[in-house]
Amino acid sequence: MKNSFLKTVFGLTVVTASVYGINEIVNGVATSKKLHEQRVGAFYPFKFGDVFYTESGYGKPVLLIHDLHHDNSSME
């Protein structure tokens, strides 16, 4: 029983470390190729808090709003 638990914990640790390592490699490659640069934007003062926005492209304006979940970000 204890041996099985230790194998499970070890396996999960290896999987977690592998995923972390792969994410670090992908982030390093993307950063070196400048694939995910931070956009320059501005803040619009809103009654519930400031709203950060960026402008890009041309043509009629389109407002894109991501979900309001706390895990969301501008990288979507």
Protein backbone atom coordinates (compact mmCIF):
# COMPACT_ATOMS: atom_id res chain seq x y z
CA MET A 1 0.00 0.00 0.00
CA LYS A 2 2.71 2.47 1.01
CA ASN A 3 4.85 1.49 -1.99
CA SER A 4 1.93 2.16 -4.36
CA PHE A 5 1.35 5.59 -2.80
CA LEU A 6 5.01 6.52 -3.18
CA LYS A 7 4.98 5.42 -6.82
CA THR A 8 1.91 7.58 -7.46
CA VAL A 9 3.46 10.61 -5.77
CA PHE A 10 6.72 10.09 -7.67
CA GLY A 11 4.85 9.73 -10.96
CA LEU A 12 2.84 12.90 -10.38
CA THR A 13 6.03 14.75 -9.44
CA VAL A 14 7.74 13.65 -12.66
CA VAL A 15 4.73 14.64 -14.77
CA THR A 16 4.45 18.04 -13.07
CA ALA A 17 8.17 18.73 -13.47
CA SER A 18 8.00 17.69 -17.13
CA VAL A 19 5.07 20.01 -17.87
CA TYR A 20 6.83 22.85 -16.06
CA GLY A 21 10.02 22.23 -18.06
CA ILE A 22 8.16 22.17 -21.37
CA ASN A 23 6.35 25.42 -20.48
CA GLU A 24 9.67 27.08 -19.64
CA ILE A 25 11.16 25.97 -22.97
CA VAL A 26 8.15 27.24 -24.93
CA ASN A 27 8.24 30.54 -23.03
CA GLY A 28 11.97 30.89 -23.71
CA VAL A 29 11.53 30.28 -27.44
CA ALA A 30 8.56 32.66 -27.67
CA THR A 31 10.45 35.33 -25.75
CA SER A 32 13.58 35.00 -27.88
CA LYS A 33 11.51 35.34 -31.06
CA LYS A 34 9.47 38.18 -29.50
CA LEU A 35 6.22 36.31 -30.16
CA HIS A 36 4.43 37.58 -27.08
CA GLU A 37 5.51 41.15 -26.52
CA GLN A 38 3.51 43.31 -24.19
CA ARG A 39 1.30 45.74 -26.09
CA VAL A 40 1.36 49.42 -25.34
CA GLY A 41 -2.06 50.63 -24.32
CA ALA A 42 -3.90 53.01 -22.09
CA PHE A 43 -6.40 52.99 -19.26
CA TYR A 44 -10.00 54.18 -19.54
CA PRO A 45 -11.40 55.39 -16.21
CA PHE A 46 -14.58 53.44 -15.45
CA LYS A 47 -16.84 53.61 -12.41
CA PHE A 48 -15.99 49.99 -11.45
CA GLY A 49 -12.25 50.40 -12.04
CA ASP A 50 -9.86 51.37 -14.78
CA VAL A 51 -10.10 49.39 -18.04
CA PHE A 52 -6.89 48.68 -19.94
CA TYR A 53 -7.20 48.78 -23.74
CA THR A 54 -5.03 48.64 -26.84
CA GLU A 55 -5.61 49.85 -30.36
CA SER A 56 -4.37 47.97 -33.41
CA GLY A 57 -5.17 47.54 -37.07
CA TYR A 58 -7.38 49.74 -39.18
CA GLY A 59 -11.03 50.09 -40.13
CA LYS A 60 -14.08 50.39 -37.93
CA PRO A 61 -13.41 49.83 -34.23
CA VAL A 62 -14.31 46.46 -32.70
CA LEU A 63 -14.46 45.98 -28.95
CA LEU A 64 -13.30 42.53 -27.80
CA ILE A 65 -14.02 41.67 -24.17
CA HIS A 66 -12.65 38.55 -22.53
CA ASP A 67 -14.39 36.64 -19.79
CA LEU A 68 -14.42 38.22 -16.34
CA HIS A 69 -13.00 35.16 -14.57
CA HIS A 70 -9.99 35.93 -12.35
CA ASP A 71 -7.73 33.57 -14.37
CA ASN A 72 -8.22 35.49 -17.64
CA SER A 73 -5.73 37.92 -19.08
CA SER A 74 -4.92 39.97 -22.15
CA MET A 75 -3.02 36.99 -23.61
CA GLU A 76 -6.26 35.32 -24.71
